[in-house]
Amino acid sequence: MLTPLDLEHFLRERGLRAELLALSMKTPTVEAAAEAVGTSPEKIVKSLLFMVDDRPVLAITSGANRIDRRRIAKNFGVGRKRVRLADENQVQAATGYTVGAVPPFGHPEPLLTLIDSGVLKHDVVYAGGGASDHLMRVETAEILSVTQGEVLDLVDRSE
């Protein structure tokens, strides 16, 4: 399993401006993470792994937004039932990190990544830092550049 030290090495090796923050508490929720770094939940990004059939796809969204699986399915030209949230073992196998601590990059192999357009409304966000007591302060432009992610509307904003 990968740790924040592995993520720190990834950042240094590539000369990324992201900053890894060791926190004095665990951040199991978006709200807890926002409170820990003194920001709004919209500036906390979560990296969720979905399986499209047997293919891992990382989806990144802001705050407490819920990703609409139908939008991922439409992007891949498959039915909604062929897109499901990855289980704990699949997350660890694909990303190297545990559920709740997954960074947007720094995985054993680059992952196909979808980035919700709402993420790019912010210049700087806080993402998973490799452990439940770490966050990474990172520019959204770096997330886009490093992941080579495709920007889509992954969230139904009509609610």
C-alpha atoms as a PDB file:
ATOM      1  CA  MET A   1       0.000   0.000   0.000  1.00  0.00           C
ATOM      2  CA  LEU A   2       1.199   3.508  -0.828  1.00  0.00           C
ATOM      3  CA  THR A   3       1.586   6.225   1.825  1.00  0.00           C
ATOM      4  CA  PRO A   4       1.870  10.015   1.966  1.00  0.00           C
ATOM      5  CA  LEU A   5       5.658   9.545   1.651  1.00  0.00           C
ATOM      6  CA  ASP A   6       5.124   7.897  -1.735  1.00  0.00           C
ATOM      7  CA  LEU A   7       2.933  10.802  -2.803  1.00  0.00           C
ATOM      8  CA  GLU A   8       5.545  13.289  -1.563  1.00  0.00           C
ATOM      9  CA  HIS A   9       8.171  11.460  -3.637  1.00  0.00           C
ATOM     10  CA  PHE A  10       5.889  11.624  -6.707  1.00  0.00           C
ATOM     11  CA  LEU A  11       5.440  15.388  -6.224  1.00  0.00           C
ATOM     12  CA  ARG A  12       9.179  16.057  -5.788  1.00  0.00           C
ATOM     13  CA  GLU A  13      10.207  13.767  -8.644  1.00  0.00           C
ATOM     14  CA  ARG A  14       8.004  15.709 -11.067  1.00  0.00           C
ATOM     15  CA  GLY A  15       8.660  19.165  -9.648  1.00  0.00           C
ATOM     16  CA  LEU A  16       4.985  19.731  -8.858  1.00  0.00           C
ATOM     17  CA  ARG A  17       3.976  22.738  -6.766  1.00  0.00           C
ATOM     18  CA  ALA A  18       1.460  20.759  -4.738  1.00  0.00           C
ATOM     19  CA  GLU A  19       1.921  20.752  -0.980  1.00  0.00           C
ATOM     20  CA  LEU A  20       1.257  17.768   1.261  1.00  0.00           C
ATOM     21  CA  LEU A  21      -0.335  18.727   4.587  1.00  0.00           C
ATOM     22  CA  ALA A  22      -0.039  16.468   7.632  1.00  0.00           C
ATOM     23  CA  LEU A  23      -3.080  17.098   9.817  1.00  0.00           C
ATOM     24  CA  SER A  24      -3.572  16.589  13.533  1.00  0.00           C
ATOM     25  CA  MET A  25      -6.853  14.765  12.884  1.00  0.00           C
ATOM     26  CA  LYS A  26      -8.400  12.295  10.490  1.00  0.00           C
ATOM     27  CA  THR A  27     -10.695  13.705   7.826  1.00  0.00           C
ATOM     28  CA  PRO A  28     -13.283  11.010   7.047  1.00  0.00           C
ATOM     29  CA  THR A  29     -15.734  13.468   5.449  1.00  0.00           C
ATOM     30  CA  VAL A  30     -15.571  16.421   3.084  1.00  0.00           C
ATOM     31  CA  GLU A  31     -16.849  18.637   5.913  1.00  0.00           C
ATOM     32  CA  ALA A  32     -14.125  17.436   8.308  1.00  0.00           C
ATOM     33  CA  ALA A  33     -11.459  18.005   5.656  1.00  0.00           C
ATOM     34  CA  ALA A  34     -12.755  21.525   4.947  1.00  0.00           C
ATOM     35  CA  GLU A  35     -12.763  22.359   8.646  1.00  0.00           C
ATOM     36  CA  ALA A  36      -9.238  20.962   9.113  1.00  0.00           C
ATOM     37  CA  VAL A  37      -7.758  23.316   6.509  1.00  0.00           C
ATOM     38  CA  GLY A  38     -10.153  26.242   7.023  1.00  0.00           C
ATOM     39  CA  THR A  39     -11.828  26.226   3.633  1.00  0.00           C
ATOM     40  CA  SER A  40     -15.236  25.549   2.105  1.00  0.00           C
ATOM     41  CA  PRO A  41     -16.401  22.025   1.176  1.00  0.00           C
ATOM     42  CA  GLU A  42     -16.428  23.088  -2.503  1.00  0.00           C
ATOM     43  CA  LYS A  43     -12.622  23.398  -2.370  1.00  0.00           C
ATOM     44  CA  ILE A  44     -12.224  19.822  -1.151  1.00  0.00           C
ATOM     45  CA  VAL A  45     -11.987  17.440  -4.082  1.00  0.00           C
ATOM     46  CA  LYS A  46     -12.589  13.744  -3.883  1.00  0.00           C
ATOM     47  CA  SER A  47     -11.125  11.158  -6.219  1.00  0.00           C
ATOM     48  CA  LEU A  48     -13.553   8.262  -6.613  1.00  0.00           C
ATOM     49  CA  LEU A  49     -12.783   5.090  -8.494  1.00  0.00           C
ATOM     50  CA  PHE A  50     -15.489   3.630 -10.702  1.00  0.00           C
ATOM     51  CA  MET A  51     -15.389   0.426 -12.663  1.00  0.00           C
ATOM     52  CA  VAL A  52     -16.715   0.670 -16.203  1.00  0.00           C
ATOM     53  CA  ASP A  53     -17.119  -3.037 -16.830  1.00  0.00           C
ATOM     54  CA  ASP A  54     -13.626  -4.134 -15.669  1.00  0.00           C
ATOM     55  CA  ARG A  55     -11.848  -0.880 -16.450  1.00  0.00           C
ATOM     56  CA  PRO A  56     -10.925   1.473 -13.568  1.00  0.00           C
ATOM     57  CA  VAL A  57     -11.856   5.116 -14.128  1.00  0.00           C
ATOM     58  CA  LEU A  58     -11.002   7.854 -11.639  1.00  0.00           C
ATOM     59  CA  ALA A  59     -13.666  10.549 -11.293  1.00  0.00           C
ATOM     60  CA  ILE A  60     -12.834  13.811  -9.529  1.00  0.00           C
ATOM     61  CA  THR A  61     -15.473  16.182  -8.162  1.00  0.00           C
ATOM     62  CA  SER A  62     -15.771  18.966  -5.613  1.00  0.00           C
ATOM     63  CA  GLY A  63     -17.151  18.919  -2.114  1.00  0.00           C
ATOM     64  CA  ALA A  64     -20.277  17.032  -1.274  1.00  0.00           C
ATOM     65  CA  ASN A  65     -21.302  16.675  -4.934  1.00  0.00           C
ATOM     66  CA  ARG A  66     -22.526  13.277  -6.010  1.00  0.00           C
ATOM     67  CA  ILE A  67     -21.272  11.918  -9.296  1.00  0.00           C
ATOM     68  CA  ASP A  68     -24.049  10.797 -11.626  1.00  0.00           C
ATOM     69  CA  ARG A  69     -23.086   7.332 -12.952  1.00  0.00           C
ATOM     70  CA  ARG A  70     -25.293   7.923 -15.998  1.00  0.00           C
ATOM     71  CA  ARG A  71     -22.919  10.657 -17.128  1.00  0.00           C
ATOM     72  CA  ILE A  72     -19.937   8.311 -16.922  1.00  0.00           C
ATOM     73  CA  ALA A  73     -21.904   5.619 -18.734  1.00  0.00           C
ATOM     74  CA  LYS A  74     -22.876   8.038 -21.500  1.00  0.00           C
ATOM     75  CA  ASN A  75     -19.232   9.091 -21.922  1.00  0.00           C
ATOM     76  CA  PHE A  76     -18.229   5.457 -22.497  1.00  0.00           C
ATOM     77  CA  GLY A  77     -21.305   4.522 -24.516  1.00  0.00           C
ATOM     78  CA  VAL A  78     -22.480   1.879 -22.037  1.00  0.00           C
ATOM     79  CA  GLY A  79     -25.544   1.382 -19.864  1.00  0.00           C
ATOM     80  CA  ARG A  80     -25.634   2.839 -16.346  1.00  0.00           C
ATOM     81  CA  LYS A  81     -25.563  -0.638 -14.795  1.00  0.00           C
ATOM     82  CA  ARG A  82     -22.116  -1.244 -16.314  1.00  0.00           C
ATOM     83  CA  VAL A  83     -20.701   1.614 -14.211  1.00  0.00           C
ATOM     84  CA  ARG A  84     -20.281   0.966 -10.509  1.00  0.00           C
ATOM     85  CA  LEU A  85     -18.319   2.366  -7.626  1.00  0.00           C
ATOM     86  CA  ALA A  86     -15.189   0.281  -7.088  1.00  0.00           C
ATOM     87  CA  ASP A  87     -14.936  -1.764  -3.915  1.00  0.00           C
ATOM     88  CA  GLU A  88     -12.164  -1.325  -1.348  1.00  0.00           C
ATOM     89  CA  ASN A  89      -9.906  -3.973  -2.901  1.00  0.00           C
ATOM     90  CA  GLN A  90     -10.313  -2.553  -6.404  1.00  0.00           C
ATOM     91  CA  VAL A  91      -9.504   0.953  -5.133  1.00  0.00           C
ATOM     92  CA  GLN A  92      -6.340  -0.240  -3.437  1.00  0.00           C
ATOM     93  CA  ALA A  93      -5.276  -2.371  -6.426  1.00  0.00           C
ATOM     94  CA  ALA A  94      -5.753   0.450  -8.956  1.00  0.00           C
ATOM     95  CA  THR A  95      -4.639   3.479  -6.934  1.00  0.00           C
ATOM     96  CA  GLY A  96      -2.336   2.023  -4.282  1.00  0.00           C
ATOM     97  CA  TYR A  97      -4.232   3.968  -1.609  1.00  0.00           C
ATOM     98  CA  THR A  98      -7.088   3.234   0.764  1.00  0.00           C
ATOM     99  CA  VAL A  99     -10.630   4.499   0.235  1.00  0.00           C
ATOM    100  CA  GLY A 100     -10.918   8.061   1.525  1.00  0.00           C
ATOM    101  CA  ALA A 101      -7.249   8.918   1.006  1.00  0.00           C
ATOM    102  CA  VAL A 102      -6.927   8.608  -2.782  1.00  0.00           C
ATOM    103  CA  PRO A 103      -5.064  11.498  -4.411  1.00  0.00           C
ATOM    104  CA  PRO A 104      -5.914  12.589  -7.965  1.00  0.00           C
ATOM    105  CA  PHE A 105      -2.528  11.322  -9.193  1.00  0.00           C
ATOM    106  CA  GLY A 106       0.549   9.434  -7.973  1.00  0.00           C
ATOM    107  CA  HIS A 107      -0.893   5.971  -8.544  1.00  0.00           C
ATOM    108  CA  PRO A 108       1.194   2.936  -9.584  1.00  0.00           C
ATOM    109  CA  GLU A 109      -0.031   3.410 -13.181  1.00  0.00           C
ATOM    110  CA  PRO A 110      -1.771   6.470 -14.647  1.00  0.00           C
ATOM    111  CA  LEU A 111      -5.544   6.078 -14.539  1.00  0.00           C
ATOM    112  CA  LEU A 112      -8.090   7.222 -17.067  1.00  0.00           C
ATOM    113  CA  THR A 113      -9.438  10.301 -15.292  1.00  0.00           C
ATOM    114  CA  LEU A 114     -12.642  12.299 -15.600  1.00  0.00           C
ATOM    115  CA  ILE A 115     -12.759  15.709 -13.922  1.00  0.00           C
ATOM    116  CA  ASP A 116     -16.050  17.404 -13.147  1.00  0.00           C
ATOM    117  CA  SER A 117     -16.130  20.881 -14.679  1.00  0.00           C
ATOM    118  CA  GLY A 118     -17.067  22.344 -11.283  1.00  0.00           C
ATOM    119  CA  VAL A 119     -13.599  21.506  -9.952  1.00  0.00           C
ATOM    120  CA  LEU A 120     -12.027  23.958 -12.383  1.00  0.00           C
ATOM    121  CA  LYS A 121     -13.979  26.889 -10.923  1.00  0.00           C
ATOM    122  CA  HIS A 122     -11.296  26.999  -8.236  1.00  0.00           C
ATOM    123  CA  ASP A 123      -7.618  27.810  -8.753  1.00  0.00           C
ATOM    124  CA  VAL A 124      -6.497  25.807  -5.719  1.00  0.00           C
ATOM    125  CA  VAL A 125      -8.192  22.840  -4.050  1.00  0.00           C
ATOM    126  CA  TYR A 126      -7.437  20.254  -1.376  1.00  0.00           C
ATOM    127  CA  ALA A 127      -7.347  16.606  -2.427  1.00  0.00           C
ATOM    128  CA  GLY A 128      -6.630  13.247  -0.824  1.00  0.00           C
ATOM    129  CA  GLY A 129      -3.100  13.130   0.540  1.00  0.00           C
ATOM    130  CA  GLY A 130      -2.500   9.402   0.743  1.00  0.00           C
ATOM    131  CA  ALA A 131      -3.809   8.855   4.299  1.00  0.00           C
ATOM    132  CA  SER A 132      -6.873   9.929   6.275  1.00  0.00           C
ATOM    133  CA  ASP A 133      -4.790  12.504   8.177  1.00  0.00           C
ATOM    134  CA  HIS A 134      -3.165  14.082   5.100  1.00  0.00           C
ATOM    135  CA  LEU A 135      -4.464  16.422   2.419  1.00  0.00           C
ATOM    136  CA  MET A 136      -2.756  17.830  -0.627  1.00  0.00           C
ATOM    137  CA  ARG A 137      -3.077  21.516  -1.527  1.00  0.00           C
ATOM    138  CA  VAL A 138      -2.880  21.610  -5.325  1.00  0.00           C
ATOM    139  CA  GLU A 139      -3.689  23.879  -8.232  1.00  0.00           C
ATOM    140  CA  THR A 140      -6.509  22.568 -10.389  1.00  0.00           C
ATOM    141  CA  ALA A 141      -4.346  23.277 -13.451  1.00  0.00           C
ATOM    142  CA  GLU A 142      -1.808  20.764 -12.106  1.00  0.00           C
ATOM    143  CA  ILE A 143      -4.497  18.119 -11.594  1.00  0.00           C
ATOM    144  CA  LEU A 144      -5.570  18.626 -15.195  1.00  0.00           C
ATOM    145  CA  SER A 145      -2.002  18.580 -16.500  1.00  0.00           C
ATOM    146  CA  VAL A 146      -0.737  15.568 -14.538  1.00  0.00           C
ATOM    147  CA  THR A 147      -3.819  13.378 -15.043  1.00  0.00           C
ATOM    148  CA  GLN A 148      -4.491  14.463 -18.613  1.00  0.00           C
ATOM    149  CA  GLY A 149      -8.081  14.157 -17.417  1.00  0.00           C
ATOM    150  CA  GLU A 150     -11.142  14.714 -19.536  1.00  0.00           C
ATOM    151  CA  VAL A 151     -13.351  17.534 -18.272  1.00  0.00           C
ATOM    152  CA  LEU A 152     -17.059  16.636 -18.154  1.00  0.00           C
ATOM    153  CA  ASP A 153     -20.173  17.584 -16.262  1.00  0.00           C
ATOM    154  CA  LEU A 154     -20.256  14.604 -13.884  1.00  0.00           C
ATOM    155  CA  VAL A 155     -22.743  16.132 -11.461  1.00  0.00           C
ATOM    156  CA  ASP A 156     -26.424  16.841 -12.018  1.00  0.00           C
ATOM    157  CA  ARG A 157     -26.616  20.533 -11.103  1.00  0.00           C
ATOM    158  CA  SER A 158     -30.333  20.864 -11.831  1.00  0.00           C
ATOM    159  CA  GLU A 159     -31.295  19.893  -8.284  1.00  0.00           C
END
